[in-house]
Amino acid sequence: MNGLYTVNELSDKLKYSRSTIYRWISEGCIPFHRLGREIRFTENDIINIIKMKTAYGQKEINNGYW
């Protein structure tokens, strides 16, 4: 991993749909950065998302509890 990643790239890496990623963003469940109108994720953001996914499990992630 290197640099900044788009929603599409995050979706591919985590194997979740783009709509799920956007929902998590709107619910404030995952960290992200805005560059103008664009949404980007750093390598650390992705690592933290994976750690939260592992720690809390699928049910809590889908319900926005992390």
N, C-alpha and C. Protein backbone atom coordinates (compact mmCIF):
# COMPACT_ATOMS: atom_id res chain seq x y z
N MET A 1 0.85 -1.18 0.00
CA MET A 1 0.00 0.00 0.00
C MET A 1 0.89 1.23 0.00
N ASN A 2 0.42 2.25 -0.68
CA ASN A 2 1.25 3.43 -0.81
C ASN A 2 0.39 4.63 -1.22
N GLY A 3 0.46 5.74 -0.48
CA GLY A 3 -0.23 6.95 -0.87
C GLY A 3 -1.67 7.02 -0.43
N LEU A 4 -2.48 7.66 -1.28
CA LEU A 4 -3.91 7.84 -1.00
C LEU A 4 -4.74 6.93 -1.89
N TYR A 5 -5.84 6.44 -1.35
CA TYR A 5 -6.68 5.49 -2.06
C TYR A 5 -8.09 6.03 -2.22
N THR A 6 -8.72 5.70 -3.33
CA THR A 6 -10.09 6.14 -3.62
C THR A 6 -11.09 5.16 -2.99
N VAL A 7 -12.35 5.53 -3.07
CA VAL A 7 -13.42 4.64 -2.59
C VAL A 7 -13.39 3.34 -3.38
N ASN A 8 -13.18 3.42 -4.70
CA ASN A 8 -13.13 2.20 -5.51
C ASN A 8 -11.98 1.29 -5.08
N GLU A 9 -10.82 1.87 -4.83
CA GLU A 9 -9.67 1.07 -4.40
C GLU A 9 -9.91 0.44 -3.03
N LEU A 10 -10.51 1.21 -2.11
CA LEU A 10 -10.83 0.67 -0.79
C LEU A 10 -11.84 -0.45 -0.91
N SER A 11 -12.83 -0.26 -1.74
CA SER A 11 -13.84 -1.28 -1.97
C SER A 11 -13.21 -2.58 -2.47
N ASP A 12 -12.27 -2.47 -3.40
CA ASP A 12 -11.58 -3.65 -3.92
C ASP A 12 -10.75 -4.32 -2.85
N LYS A 13 -10.05 -3.54 -2.04
CA LYS A 13 -9.17 -4.10 -1.01
C LYS A 13 -9.95 -4.80 0.10
N LEU A 14 -11.07 -4.20 0.52
CA LEU A 14 -11.84 -4.75 1.63
C LEU A 14 -12.94 -5.71 1.20
N LYS A 15 -13.19 -5.76 -0.10
CA LYS A 15 -14.24 -6.65 -0.65
C LYS A 15 -15.63 -6.27 -0.17
N TYR A 16 -15.87 -4.95 -0.07
CA TYR A 16 -17.20 -4.42 0.22
C TYR A 16 -17.62 -3.55 -0.94
N SER A 17 -18.92 -3.39 -1.14
CA SER A 17 -19.40 -2.58 -2.25
C SER A 17 -19.12 -1.10 -2.01
N ARG A 18 -19.10 -0.33 -3.08
CA ARG A 18 -18.90 1.11 -2.97
C ARG A 18 -20.00 1.73 -2.14
N SER A 19 -21.23 1.26 -2.29
CA SER A 19 -22.34 1.83 -1.53
C SER A 19 -22.16 1.60 -0.03
N THR A 20 -21.59 0.45 0.34
CA THR A 20 -21.31 0.19 1.76
C THR A 20 -20.26 1.15 2.27
N ILE A 21 -19.20 1.38 1.51
CA ILE A 21 -18.15 2.31 1.90
C ILE A 21 -18.74 3.71 2.07
N TYR A 22 -19.56 4.16 1.12
CA TYR A 22 -20.18 5.48 1.22
C TYR A 22 -21.12 5.57 2.43
N ARG A 23 -21.82 4.48 2.72
CA ARG A 23 -22.71 4.47 3.89
C ARG A 23 -21.89 4.63 5.17
N TRP A 24 -20.78 3.89 5.27
CA TRP A 24 -19.91 4.00 6.43
C TRP A 24 -19.38 5.42 6.58
N ILE A 25 -19.04 6.05 5.46
CA ILE A 25 -18.56 7.44 5.49
C ILE A 25 -19.65 8.35 6.03
N SER A 26 -20.85 8.22 5.50
CA SER A 26 -21.95 9.11 5.93
C SER A 26 -22.34 8.88 7.38
N GLU A 27 -22.15 7.67 7.88
CA GLU A 27 -22.47 7.36 9.28
C GLU A 27 -21.30 7.69 10.22
N GLY A 28 -20.17 8.09 9.65
CA GLY A 28 -19.01 8.42 10.46
C GLY A 28 -18.30 7.21 11.04
N CYS A 29 -18.46 6.06 10.41
CA CYS A 29 -17.90 4.82 10.94
C CYS A 29 -16.45 4.59 10.54
N ILE A 30 -15.98 5.24 9.48
CA ILE A 30 -14.61 5.02 9.04
C ILE A 30 -13.91 6.36 8.81
N PRO A 31 -12.60 6.40 9.06
CA PRO A 31 -11.85 7.64 8.83
C PRO A 31 -11.61 7.87 7.34
N PHE A 32 -11.62 9.13 6.93
CA PHE A 32 -11.34 9.47 5.53
C PHE A 32 -10.87 10.92 5.46
N HIS A 33 -10.40 11.31 4.30
CA HIS A 33 -9.92 12.67 4.06
C HIS A 33 -10.56 13.19 2.78
N ARG A 34 -10.89 14.47 2.79
CA ARG A 34 -11.44 15.10 1.59
C ARG A 34 -10.36 15.93 0.91
N LEU A 35 -10.27 15.77 -0.40
CA LEU A 35 -9.42 16.61 -1.23
C LEU A 35 -10.37 17.28 -2.23
N GLY A 36 -10.84 18.47 -1.86
CA GLY A 36 -11.89 19.10 -2.65
C GLY A 36 -13.16 18.29 -2.48
N ARG A 37 -13.70 17.80 -3.58
CA ARG A 37 -14.89 16.96 -3.53
C ARG A 37 -14.57 15.47 -3.46
N GLU A 38 -13.31 15.15 -3.59
CA GLU A 38 -12.87 13.75 -3.62
C GLU A 38 -12.65 13.21 -2.21
N ILE A 39 -12.96 11.94 -2.03
CA ILE A 39 -12.74 11.26 -0.76
C ILE A 39 -11.55 10.33 -0.94
N ARG A 40 -10.63 10.39 0.00
CA ARG A 40 -9.44 9.55 -0.05
C ARG A 40 -9.18 8.91 1.30
N PHE A 41 -8.46 7.80 1.26
CA PHE A 41 -8.10 7.06 2.46
C PHE A 41 -6.59 6.87 2.45
N THR A 42 -5.95 7.08 3.61
CA THR A 42 -4.52 6.83 3.71
C THR A 42 -4.28 5.36 4.04
N GLU A 43 -3.03 4.97 3.96
CA GLU A 43 -2.67 3.60 4.33
C GLU A 43 -3.04 3.34 5.78
N ASN A 44 -2.80 4.30 6.65
CA ASN A 44 -3.17 4.14 8.07
C ASN A 44 -4.67 4.01 8.25
N ASP A 45 -5.46 4.77 7.47
CA ASP A 45 -6.92 4.64 7.53
C ASP A 45 -7.34 3.21 7.20
N ILE A 46 -6.75 2.65 6.16
CA ILE A 46 -7.11 1.30 5.72
C ILE A 46 -6.71 0.28 6.78
N ILE A 47 -5.52 0.44 7.35
CA ILE A 47 -5.07 -0.48 8.40
C ILE A 47 -6.02 -0.41 9.59
N ASN A 48 -6.43 0.80 9.98
CA ASN A 48 -7.36 0.94 11.11
C ASN A 48 -8.72 0.33 10.79
N ILE A 49 -9.19 0.48 9.56
CA ILE A 49 -10.47 -0.12 9.17
C ILE A 49 -10.38 -1.65 9.28
N ILE A 50 -9.28 -2.21 8.81
CA ILE A 50 -9.10 -3.66 8.88
C ILE A 50 -9.03 -4.12 10.33
N LYS A 51 -8.32 -3.38 11.17
CA LYS A 51 -8.24 -3.73 12.59
C LYS A 51 -9.62 -3.68 13.24
N MET A 52 -10.40 -2.65 12.94
CA MET A 52 -11.75 -2.54 13.52
C MET A 52 -12.63 -3.66 13.01
N LYS A 53 -12.50 -3.98 11.73
CA LYS A 53 -13.28 -5.07 11.15
C LYS A 53 -12.97 -6.38 11.86
N THR A 54 -11.71 -6.62 12.13
CA THR A 54 -11.28 -7.85 12.80
C THR A 54 -11.73 -7.87 14.26
N ALA A 55 -11.60 -6.74 14.94
CA ALA A 55 -11.92 -6.68 16.36
C ALA A 55 -13.41 -6.78 16.64
N TYR A 56 -14.23 -6.15 15.80
CA TYR A 56 -15.66 -6.08 16.09
C TYR A 56 -16.50 -7.08 15.34
N GLY A 57 -16.01 -7.64 14.28
CA GLY A 57 -16.76 -8.63 13.54
C GLY A 57 -17.74 -8.02 12.55
N GLN A 58 -18.27 -8.86 11.70
CA GLN A 58 -19.13 -8.43 10.60
C GLN A 58 -20.41 -7.76 11.05
N LYS A 59 -21.10 -8.31 12.03
CA LYS A 59 -22.41 -7.78 12.43
C LYS A 59 -22.30 -6.32 12.89
N GLU A 60 -21.32 -6.03 13.74
CA GLU A 60 -21.18 -4.68 14.26
C GLU A 60 -20.79 -3.70 13.18
N ILE A 61 -19.93 -4.13 12.24
CA ILE A 61 -19.53 -3.25 11.15
C ILE A 61 -20.74 -2.87 10.32
N ASN A 62 -21.54 -3.85 9.95
CA ASN A 62 -22.70 -3.58 9.10
C ASN A 62 -23.73 -2.72 9.80
N ASN A 63 -23.75 -2.75 11.13
CA ASN A 63 -24.69 -1.93 11.87
C ASN A 63 -24.10 -0.59 12.28
N GLY A 64 -22.86 -0.32 11.88
CA GLY A 64 -22.24 0.96 12.16
C GLY A 64 -21.82 1.15 13.60
N TYR A 65 -21.53 0.09 14.32
CA TYR A 65 -21.17 0.20 15.73
C TYR A 65 -19.70 0.37 15.98
N TRP A 66 -18.91 0.53 14.98
CA TRP A 66 -17.48 0.71 15.19
C TRP A 66 -17.10 1.96 14.54
